[in-house]
Amino acid sequence: MARKSRGHAQRDQNVLEHIGTDRMHSYLAEVQGHPGRALNLYRWNAELSSSFWPLISVTEVSLRNALDEYLGQWCQNNGGHRDWLLRIDQAPRDLKDEFGGKARTFRSRADDAKKIRDTGTGLTIVPHRRQNAPLTNGDILSQITLGEWGNVIPSAPRPLDDGSIALFPDPTTAQRRERLWNQVICRAFPAGEQPYALAGDINRLKLFRNRIAHHEPIFAVNYRRHRNDLLRVLRSVAPPVHEWYTSSDPLPEVFRNDPRNS
């Protein structure tokens, strides 16, 4: 038994070295330097991170679809085109000023994805069902990140060292985003939604999402709060999706499996 324990201890030490001392530092610190417990925590953190992806995914997709629906209809009603990202030059001025340059970047990314579809150099085994199909508004929409949607929602002014406050990121942009919120973006959310709080929520979710994507530890952050923020945004923009997701949300059970509780 002692020989087996020594073998496990050596194995655990070898695993730690391969994963990396720097990466494992926070895990070891959390469990008083015990290699086996640190690896158990590392494994659980990976499970926790992967279990967040379904909620992040449906929230991000539902948010962008809701905003696209209202922005597209608003453009169409104000002299522009329903496919506003394809025809950003026809959009009302505030939307064109907000998204014009970025839309070209998103379109370039969508063009790159289309080339992969058309040439069959992607991951699909058979030809892509949309091979050689023209670029759509949805193709460009799918390239817009969660952080970009958070940026277009008005953010709270920032306090300065002299005690005054400054519009963020600058007065012209802040005023344009306030107008867009009041004219159209607010319609995607329940009445009374506070844009500053919403922008803060989405910014935190972006940072949390990126932390997971870069395989960083999330066991020490307030992951329960991030779940609540995600669910609040999802319920705001897509109540049916919220009801469907919460009927089988895996996260509460994963929370209970935290090895630090045993």
C-alpha atoms as a PDB file:
ATOM      1  CA  MET A   1       0.000   0.000   0.000  1.00  0.00           C
ATOM      2  CA  ALA A   2       2.816   2.377   0.889  1.00  0.00           C
ATOM      3  CA  ARG A   3       4.511   1.561  -2.423  1.00  0.00           C
ATOM      4  CA  LYS A   4       1.249   2.268  -4.270  1.00  0.00           C
ATOM      5  CA  SER A   5       0.842   5.571  -2.444  1.00  0.00           C
ATOM      6  CA  ARG A   6       4.397   6.554  -3.301  1.00  0.00           C
ATOM      7  CA  GLY A   7       3.698   5.642  -6.922  1.00  0.00           C
ATOM      8  CA  HIS A   8       0.593   7.834  -7.004  1.00  0.00           C
ATOM      9  CA  ALA A   9       2.489  10.687  -5.382  1.00  0.00           C
ATOM     10  CA  GLN A  10       5.229  10.456  -8.003  1.00  0.00           C
ATOM     11  CA  ARG A  11       2.645  10.283 -10.791  1.00  0.00           C
ATOM     12  CA  ASP A  12       0.859  13.352  -9.418  1.00  0.00           C
ATOM     13  CA  GLN A  13       4.142  15.234  -9.253  1.00  0.00           C
ATOM     14  CA  ASN A  14       4.940  14.293 -12.847  1.00  0.00           C
ATOM     15  CA  VAL A  15       1.495  15.457 -13.997  1.00  0.00           C
ATOM     16  CA  LEU A  16       1.964  18.781 -12.201  1.00  0.00           C
ATOM     17  CA  GLU A  17       5.286  19.318 -13.947  1.00  0.00           C
ATOM     18  CA  HIS A  18       3.798  18.621 -17.375  1.00  0.00           C
ATOM     19  CA  ILE A  19       0.806  20.919 -16.835  1.00  0.00           C
ATOM     20  CA  GLY A  20       3.155  23.599 -15.575  1.00  0.00           C
ATOM     21  CA  THR A  21       4.169  24.948 -12.189  1.00  0.00           C
ATOM     22  CA  ASP A  22       2.921  28.449 -12.941  1.00  0.00           C
ATOM     23  CA  ARG A  23      -0.476  27.203 -14.128  1.00  0.00           C
ATOM     24  CA  MET A  24      -0.890  24.943 -11.107  1.00  0.00           C
ATOM     25  CA  HIS A  25       0.225  27.511  -8.537  1.00  0.00           C
ATOM     26  CA  SER A  26      -3.267  28.763  -7.661  1.00  0.00           C
ATOM     27  CA  TYR A  27      -4.568  25.202  -7.344  1.00  0.00           C
ATOM     28  CA  LEU A  28      -1.729  24.170  -5.044  1.00  0.00           C
ATOM     29  CA  ALA A  29      -2.163  27.300  -2.949  1.00  0.00           C
ATOM     30  CA  GLU A  30      -5.874  26.540  -2.558  1.00  0.00           C
ATOM     31  CA  VAL A  31      -5.193  23.051  -1.108  1.00  0.00           C
ATOM     32  CA  GLN A  32      -2.116  23.809   1.003  1.00  0.00           C
ATOM     33  CA  GLY A  33       0.320  22.412  -1.556  1.00  0.00           C
ATOM     34  CA  HIS A  34      -1.119  18.878  -1.771  1.00  0.00           C
ATOM     35  CA  PRO A  35      -0.446  17.598  -5.346  1.00  0.00           C
ATOM     36  CA  GLY A  36      -3.274  15.044  -5.483  1.00  0.00           C
ATOM     37  CA  ARG A  37      -5.884  17.468  -4.159  1.00  0.00           C
ATOM     38  CA  ALA A  38      -4.602  20.159  -6.510  1.00  0.00           C
ATOM     39  CA  LEU A  39      -5.139  17.836  -9.478  1.00  0.00           C
ATOM     40  CA  ASN A  40      -8.634  16.945  -8.253  1.00  0.00           C
ATOM     41  CA  LEU A  41      -9.411  20.656  -8.094  1.00  0.00           C
ATOM     42  CA  TYR A  42      -7.906  21.139 -11.568  1.00  0.00           C
ATOM     43  CA  ARG A  43     -10.096  18.368 -12.973  1.00  0.00           C
ATOM     44  CA  TRP A  44     -13.198  19.829 -11.328  1.00  0.00           C
ATOM     45  CA  ASN A  45     -12.342  23.328 -12.586  1.00  0.00           C
ATOM     46  CA  ALA A  46     -12.221  21.886 -16.120  1.00  0.00           C
ATOM     47  CA  GLU A  47     -15.647  20.309 -15.583  1.00  0.00           C
ATOM     48  CA  LEU A  48     -17.001  23.573 -14.173  1.00  0.00           C
ATOM     49  CA  SER A  49     -15.647  25.538 -17.140  1.00  0.00           C
ATOM     50  CA  SER A  50     -17.041  23.155 -19.751  1.00  0.00           C
ATOM     51  CA  SER A  51     -20.424  23.109 -18.001  1.00  0.00           C
ATOM     52  CA  PHE A  52     -20.719  26.879 -18.431  1.00  0.00           C
ATOM     53  CA  TRP A  53     -20.397  26.728 -22.239  1.00  0.00           C
ATOM     54  CA  PRO A  54     -24.018  25.741 -23.025  1.00  0.00           C
ATOM     55  CA  LEU A  55     -25.328  28.700 -20.994  1.00  0.00           C
ATOM     56  CA  ILE A  56     -22.767  31.102 -22.451  1.00  0.00           C
ATOM     57  CA  SER A  57     -23.606  29.876 -25.951  1.00  0.00           C
ATOM     58  CA  VAL A  58     -27.397  30.211 -25.779  1.00  0.00           C
ATOM     59  CA  THR A  59     -27.111  33.591 -24.042  1.00  0.00           C
ATOM     60  CA  GLU A  60     -24.682  35.017 -26.588  1.00  0.00           C
ATOM     61  CA  VAL A  61     -26.657  33.699 -29.569  1.00  0.00           C
ATOM     62  CA  SER A  62     -30.016  34.849 -28.150  1.00  0.00           C
ATOM     63  CA  LEU A  63     -28.637  38.308 -27.368  1.00  0.00           C
ATOM     64  CA  ARG A  64     -27.212  38.886 -30.835  1.00  0.00           C
ATOM     65  CA  ASN A  65     -30.341  37.548 -32.549  1.00  0.00           C
ATOM     66  CA  ALA A  66     -32.592  39.821 -30.490  1.00  0.00           C
ATOM     67  CA  LEU A  67     -30.473  42.882 -31.226  1.00  0.00           C
ATOM     68  CA  ASP A  68     -30.232  41.986 -34.908  1.00  0.00           C
ATOM     69  CA  GLU A  69     -34.014  41.648 -35.144  1.00  0.00           C
ATOM     70  CA  TYR A  70     -34.683  45.105 -33.715  1.00  0.00           C
ATOM     71  CA  LEU A  71     -31.787  46.845 -35.447  1.00  0.00           C
ATOM     72  CA  GLY A  72     -32.730  45.323 -38.805  1.00  0.00           C
ATOM     73  CA  GLN A  73     -36.373  46.332 -38.500  1.00  0.00           C
ATOM     74  CA  TRP A  74     -35.402  49.818 -37.338  1.00  0.00           C
ATOM     75  CA  CYS A  75     -33.091  50.246 -40.330  1.00  0.00           C
ATOM     76  CA  GLN A  76     -35.812  49.105 -42.703  1.00  0.00           C
ATOM     77  CA  ASN A  77     -38.282  51.556 -41.169  1.00  0.00           C
ATOM     78  CA  ASN A  78     -35.807  54.422 -41.454  1.00  0.00           C
ATOM     79  CA  GLY A  79     -34.652  54.244 -45.054  1.00  0.00           C
ATOM     80  CA  GLY A  80     -32.139  51.433 -44.681  1.00  0.00           C
ATOM     81  CA  HIS A  81     -32.124  47.692 -45.319  1.00  0.00           C
ATOM     82  CA  ARG A  82     -33.277  44.806 -43.129  1.00  0.00           C
ATOM     83  CA  ASP A  83     -29.921  43.136 -43.741  1.00  0.00           C
ATOM     84  CA  TRP A  84     -28.222  46.040 -42.045  1.00  0.00           C
ATOM     85  CA  LEU A  85     -24.778  44.467 -41.747  1.00  0.00           C
ATOM     86  CA  LEU A  86     -24.702  43.674 -45.461  1.00  0.00           C
ATOM     87  CA  ARG A  87     -25.916  47.191 -46.246  1.00  0.00           C
ATOM     88  CA  ILE A  88     -24.345  49.191 -43.431  1.00  0.00           C
ATOM     89  CA  ASP A  89     -23.837  52.119 -45.821  1.00  0.00           C
ATOM     90  CA  GLN A  90     -27.650  52.484 -45.978  1.00  0.00           C
ATOM     91  CA  ALA A  91     -28.154  52.424 -42.192  1.00  0.00           C
ATOM     92  CA  PRO A  92     -29.246  55.503 -40.208  1.00  0.00           C
ATOM     93  CA  ARG A  93     -26.270  57.672 -39.398  1.00  0.00           C
ATOM     94  CA  ASP A  94     -25.836  56.742 -35.733  1.00  0.00           C
ATOM     95  CA  LEU A  95     -25.790  53.030 -36.508  1.00  0.00           C
ATOM     96  CA  LYS A  96     -23.505  53.557 -39.497  1.00  0.00           C
ATOM     97  CA  ASP A  97     -21.108  55.609 -37.362  1.00  0.00           C
ATOM     98  CA  GLU A  98     -21.172  52.985 -34.603  1.00  0.00           C
ATOM     99  CA  PHE A  99     -20.772  49.891 -36.775  1.00  0.00           C
ATOM    100  CA  GLY A 100     -19.435  51.117 -40.122  1.00  0.00           C
ATOM    101  CA  GLY A 101     -15.735  50.409 -39.646  1.00  0.00           C
ATOM    102  CA  LYS A 102     -16.346  47.362 -37.474  1.00  0.00           C
ATOM    103  CA  ALA A 103     -18.837  45.930 -39.971  1.00  0.00           C
ATOM    104  CA  ARG A 104     -16.082  45.858 -42.582  1.00  0.00           C
ATOM    105  CA  THR A 105     -13.916  43.858 -40.179  1.00  0.00           C
ATOM    106  CA  PHE A 106     -16.758  41.448 -39.408  1.00  0.00           C
ATOM    107  CA  ARG A 107     -17.490  41.091 -43.114  1.00  0.00           C
ATOM    108  CA  SER A 108     -13.845  40.306 -43.822  1.00  0.00           C
ATOM    109  CA  ARG A 109     -13.963  37.521 -41.232  1.00  0.00           C
ATOM    110  CA  ALA A 110     -17.197  36.219 -42.742  1.00  0.00           C
ATOM    111  CA  ASP A 111     -15.562  36.268 -46.194  1.00  0.00           C
ATOM    112  CA  ASP A 112     -12.682  34.187 -44.816  1.00  0.00           C
ATOM    113  CA  ALA A 113     -15.151  31.655 -43.399  1.00  0.00           C
ATOM    114  CA  LYS A 114     -16.968  31.565 -46.754  1.00  0.00           C
ATOM    115  CA  LYS A 115     -13.715  30.776 -48.575  1.00  0.00           C
ATOM    116  CA  ILE A 116     -13.181  27.807 -46.275  1.00  0.00           C
ATOM    117  CA  ARG A 117     -16.735  26.587 -46.948  1.00  0.00           C
ATOM    118  CA  ASP A 118     -16.425  27.060 -50.686  1.00  0.00           C
ATOM    119  CA  THR A 119     -13.047  25.344 -51.008  1.00  0.00           C
ATOM    120  CA  GLY A 120     -13.939  22.459 -48.707  1.00  0.00           C
ATOM    121  CA  THR A 121     -10.932  23.071 -46.468  1.00  0.00           C
ATOM    122  CA  GLY A 122     -12.920  23.181 -43.239  1.00  0.00           C
ATOM    123  CA  LEU A 123     -13.734  20.416 -40.767  1.00  0.00           C
ATOM    124  CA  THR A 124     -16.791  18.977 -42.503  1.00  0.00           C
ATOM    125  CA  ILE A 125     -16.292  15.579 -44.161  1.00  0.00           C
ATOM    126  CA  VAL A 126     -18.829  16.185 -46.916  1.00  0.00           C
ATOM    127  CA  PRO A 127     -19.227  19.450 -48.860  1.00  0.00           C
ATOM    128  CA  HIS A 128     -20.726  22.187 -46.709  1.00  0.00           C
ATOM    129  CA  ARG A 129     -24.472  22.609 -47.239  1.00  0.00           C
ATOM    130  CA  ARG A 130     -23.863  26.296 -48.026  1.00  0.00           C
ATOM    131  CA  GLN A 131     -20.910  25.792 -50.326  1.00  0.00           C
ATOM    132  CA  ASN A 132     -20.776  28.644 -52.890  1.00  0.00           C
ATOM    133  CA  ALA A 133     -23.853  30.284 -51.345  1.00  0.00           C
ATOM    134  CA  PRO A 134     -23.777  34.099 -51.217  1.00  0.00           C
ATOM    135  CA  LEU A 135     -22.784  35.865 -48.021  1.00  0.00           C
ATOM    136  CA  THR A 136     -25.713  36.637 -45.713  1.00  0.00           C
ATOM    137  CA  ASN A 137     -26.431  39.097 -42.943  1.00  0.00           C
ATOM    138  CA  GLY A 138     -26.311  36.141 -40.561  1.00  0.00           C
ATOM    139  CA  ASP A 139     -22.793  35.258 -41.684  1.00  0.00           C
ATOM    140  CA  ILE A 140     -21.593  38.692 -40.628  1.00  0.00           C
ATOM    141  CA  LEU A 141     -23.720  38.696 -37.482  1.00  0.00           C
ATOM    142  CA  SER A 142     -22.052  35.512 -36.276  1.00  0.00           C
ATOM    143  CA  GLN A 143     -18.683  37.290 -36.301  1.00  0.00           C
ATOM    144  CA  ILE A 144     -19.762  39.952 -33.782  1.00  0.00           C
ATOM    145  CA  THR A 145     -18.381  39.128 -30.354  1.00  0.00           C
ATOM    146  CA  LEU A 146     -20.098  39.412 -26.997  1.00  0.00           C
ATOM    147  CA  GLY A 147     -17.786  42.271 -26.105  1.00  0.00           C
ATOM    148  CA  GLU A 148     -18.850  44.263 -29.167  1.00  0.00           C
ATOM    149  CA  TRP A 149     -22.506  43.995 -28.165  1.00  0.00           C
ATOM    150  CA  GLY A 150     -21.562  45.148 -24.687  1.00  0.00           C
ATOM    151  CA  ASN A 151     -19.761  48.139 -26.175  1.00  0.00           C
ATOM    152  CA  VAL A 152     -22.792  49.404 -28.093  1.00  0.00           C
ATOM    153  CA  ILE A 153     -24.885  49.581 -24.901  1.00  0.00           C
ATOM    154  CA  PRO A 154     -24.330  52.849 -22.984  1.00  0.00           C
ATOM    155  CA  SER A 155     -21.808  52.547 -20.148  1.00  0.00           C
ATOM    156  CA  ALA A 156     -21.762  54.533 -16.928  1.00  0.00           C
ATOM    157  CA  PRO A 157     -19.617  57.691 -16.852  1.00  0.00           C
ATOM    158  CA  ARG A 158     -16.168  57.217 -15.313  1.00  0.00           C
ATOM    159  CA  PRO A 159     -15.017  59.183 -12.244  1.00  0.00           C
ATOM    160  CA  LEU A 160     -11.899  61.319 -12.685  1.00  0.00           C
ATOM    161  CA  ASP A 161      -9.183  62.073 -10.149  1.00  0.00           C
ATOM    162  CA  ASP A 162     -10.500  65.608  -9.616  1.00  0.00           C
ATOM    163  CA  GLY A 163     -13.902  64.274  -8.542  1.00  0.00           C
ATOM    164  CA  SER A 164     -15.681  65.044 -11.805  1.00  0.00           C
ATOM    165  CA  ILE A 165     -17.042  62.418 -14.181  1.00  0.00           C
ATOM    166  CA  ALA A 166     -16.386  61.818 -17.880  1.00  0.00           C
ATOM    167  CA  LEU A 167     -18.618  60.214 -20.474  1.00  0.00           C
ATOM    168  CA  PHE A 168     -17.253  56.844 -21.605  1.00  0.00           C
ATOM    169  CA  PRO A 169     -15.436  56.224 -23.878  1.00  0.00           C
ATOM    170  CA  ASP A 170     -15.762  59.825 -25.099  1.00  0.00           C
ATOM    171  CA  PRO A 171     -18.642  62.326 -25.266  1.00  0.00           C
ATOM    172  CA  THR A 172     -19.466  61.817 -28.969  1.00  0.00           C
ATOM    173  CA  THR A 173     -19.566  58.023 -28.759  1.00  0.00           C
ATOM    174  CA  ALA A 174     -21.419  58.019 -25.442  1.00  0.00           C
ATOM    175  CA  GLN A 175     -24.128  60.354 -26.752  1.00  0.00           C
ATOM    176  CA  ARG A 176     -24.518  58.291 -29.934  1.00  0.00           C
ATOM    177  CA  ARG A 177     -24.941  55.098 -27.917  1.00  0.00           C
ATOM    178  CA  GLU A 178     -27.512  56.779 -25.682  1.00  0.00           C
ATOM    179  CA  ARG A 179     -29.513  57.743 -28.775  1.00  0.00           C
ATOM    180  CA  LEU A 180     -29.289  54.226 -30.208  1.00  0.00           C
ATOM    181  CA  TRP A 181     -30.394  52.775 -26.885  1.00  0.00           C
ATOM    182  CA  ASN A 182     -33.373  55.095 -26.591  1.00  0.00           C
ATOM    183  CA  GLN A 183     -34.452  54.726 -30.231  1.00  0.00           C
ATOM    184  CA  VAL A 184     -34.059  50.998 -30.778  1.00  0.00           C
ATOM    185  CA  ILE A 185     -31.788  48.839 -28.609  1.00  0.00           C
ATOM    186  CA  CYS A 186     -33.911  49.196 -25.472  1.00  0.00           C
ATOM    187  CA  ARG A 187     -36.750  47.416 -27.311  1.00  0.00           C
ATOM    188  CA  ALA A 188     -34.825  44.143 -27.162  1.00  0.00           C
ATOM    189  CA  PHE A 189     -35.082  44.192 -23.354  1.00  0.00           C
ATOM    190  CA  PRO A 190     -37.898  44.414 -20.800  1.00  0.00           C
ATOM    191  CA  ALA A 191     -39.271  47.847 -19.973  1.00  0.00           C
ATOM    192  CA  GLY A 192     -37.195  49.599 -17.351  1.00  0.00           C
ATOM    193  CA  GLU A 193     -33.924  47.833 -18.177  1.00  0.00           C
ATOM    194  CA  GLN A 194     -31.022  49.990 -16.987  1.00  0.00           C
ATOM    195  CA  PRO A 195     -28.365  50.189 -19.720  1.00  0.00           C
ATOM    196  CA  TYR A 196     -25.455  50.986 -17.408  1.00  0.00           C
ATOM    197  CA  ALA A 197     -26.110  47.878 -15.301  1.00  0.00           C
ATOM    198  CA  LEU A 198     -26.628  45.781 -18.432  1.00  0.00           C
ATOM    199  CA  ALA A 199     -23.373  46.999 -19.999  1.00  0.00           C
ATOM    200  CA  GLY A 200     -21.577  46.145 -16.763  1.00  0.00           C
ATOM    201  CA  ASP A 201     -23.103  42.658 -16.741  1.00  0.00           C
ATOM    202  CA  ILE A 202     -22.082  41.979 -20.336  1.00  0.00           C
ATOM    203  CA  ASN A 203     -18.548  43.270 -19.759  1.00  0.00           C
ATOM    204  CA  ARG A 204     -18.121  40.947 -16.762  1.00  0.00           C
ATOM    205  CA  LEU A 205     -19.520  38.058 -18.783  1.00  0.00           C
ATOM    206  CA  LYS A 206     -17.064  38.798 -21.594  1.00  0.00           C
ATOM    207  CA  LEU A 207     -14.144  38.642 -19.150  1.00  0.00           C
ATOM    208  CA  PHE A 208     -15.516  35.448 -17.598  1.00  0.00           C
ATOM    209  CA  ARG A 209     -16.062  33.866 -21.012  1.00  0.00           C
ATOM    210  CA  ASN A 210     -12.523  34.746 -22.086  1.00  0.00           C
ATOM    211  CA  ARG A 211     -11.099  33.357 -18.856  1.00  0.00           C
ATOM    212  CA  ILE A 212     -12.762  30.016 -19.560  1.00  0.00           C
ATOM    213  CA  ALA A 213     -11.646  30.059 -23.206  1.00  0.00           C
ATOM    214  CA  HIS A 214      -8.018  30.530 -22.123  1.00  0.00           C
ATOM    215  CA  HIS A 215      -8.195  27.611 -19.652  1.00  0.00           C
ATOM    216  CA  GLU A 216      -7.738  29.867 -16.641  1.00  0.00           C
ATOM    217  CA  PRO A 217      -8.989  28.807 -13.187  1.00  0.00           C
ATOM    218  CA  ILE A 218     -12.485  29.986 -12.322  1.00  0.00           C
ATOM    219  CA  PHE A 219     -12.882  28.163  -8.998  1.00  0.00           C
ATOM    220  CA  ALA A 220     -11.790  31.287  -7.104  1.00  0.00           C
ATOM    221  CA  VAL A 221     -14.073  33.761  -8.910  1.00  0.00           C
ATOM    222  CA  ASN A 222     -17.720  34.303  -8.076  1.00  0.00           C
ATOM    223  CA  TYR A 223     -18.945  31.827 -10.677  1.00  0.00           C
ATOM    224  CA  ARG A 224     -22.401  31.676  -9.093  1.00  0.00           C
ATOM    225  CA  ARG A 225     -22.811  35.391  -9.761  1.00  0.00           C
ATOM    226  CA  HIS A 226     -21.761  34.889 -13.384  1.00  0.00           C
ATOM    227  CA  ARG A 227     -24.363  32.152 -13.768  1.00  0.00           C
ATOM    228  CA  ASN A 228     -27.002  34.514 -12.354  1.00  0.00           C
ATOM    229  CA  ASP A 229     -25.884  37.319 -14.696  1.00  0.00           C
ATOM    230  CA  LEU A 230     -26.065  35.001 -17.705  1.00  0.00           C
ATOM    231  CA  LEU A 231     -29.514  33.776 -16.725  1.00  0.00           C
ATOM    232  CA  ARG A 232     -30.741  37.339 -16.199  1.00  0.00           C
ATOM    233  CA  VAL A 233     -29.572  38.445 -19.648  1.00  0.00           C
ATOM    234  CA  LEU A 234     -31.004  35.298 -21.239  1.00  0.00           C
ATOM    235  CA  ARG A 235     -34.370  35.764 -19.522  1.00  0.00           C
ATOM    236  CA  SER A 236     -34.437  39.401 -20.671  1.00  0.00           C
ATOM    237  CA  VAL A 237     -33.915  38.724 -24.375  1.00  0.00           C
ATOM    238  CA  ALA A 238     -35.364  35.214 -24.801  1.00  0.00           C
ATOM    239  CA  PRO A 239     -37.737  33.979 -22.052  1.00  0.00           C
ATOM    240  CA  PRO A 240     -38.567  30.707 -23.893  1.00  0.00           C
ATOM    241  CA  VAL A 241     -34.874  29.866 -24.237  1.00  0.00           C
ATOM    242  CA  HIS A 242     -34.360  30.661 -20.546  1.00  0.00           C
ATOM    243  CA  GLU A 243     -37.189  28.316 -19.574  1.00  0.00           C
ATOM    244  CA  TRP A 244     -35.839  25.564 -21.841  1.00  0.00           C
ATOM    245  CA  TYR A 245     -32.254  25.909 -20.616  1.00  0.00           C
ATOM    246  CA  THR A 246     -33.058  26.002 -16.896  1.00  0.00           C
ATOM    247  CA  SER A 247     -35.129  22.822 -17.200  1.00  0.00           C
ATOM    248  CA  SER A 248     -31.860  20.878 -17.502  1.00  0.00           C
ATOM    249  CA  ASP A 249     -29.118  23.246 -16.330  1.00  0.00           C
ATOM    250  CA  PRO A 250     -26.106  21.104 -15.286  1.00  0.00           C
ATOM    251  CA  LEU A 251     -24.407  23.828 -13.266  1.00  0.00           C
ATOM    252  CA  PRO A 252     -26.085  23.399  -9.830  1.00  0.00           C
ATOM    253  CA  GLU A 253     -24.969  19.767  -9.655  1.00  0.00           C
ATOM    254  CA  VAL A 254     -21.448  20.672 -10.770  1.00  0.00           C
ATOM    255  CA  PHE A 255     -21.323  23.328  -8.036  1.00  0.00           C
ATOM    256  CA  ARG A 256     -22.180  20.664  -5.457  1.00  0.00           C
ATOM    257  CA  ASN A 257     -19.329  18.447  -6.672  1.00  0.00           C
ATOM    258  CA  ASP A 258     -16.624  20.927  -5.630  1.00  0.00           C
ATOM    259  CA  PRO A 259     -13.889  18.656  -4.186  1.00  0.00           C
ATOM    260  CA  ARG A 260     -13.072  21.280  -1.558  1.00  0.00           C
ATOM    261  CA  ASN A 261     -16.394  20.389   0.083  1.00  0.00           C
ATOM    262  CA  SER A 262     -15.403  16.762   0.690  1.00  0.00           C
END
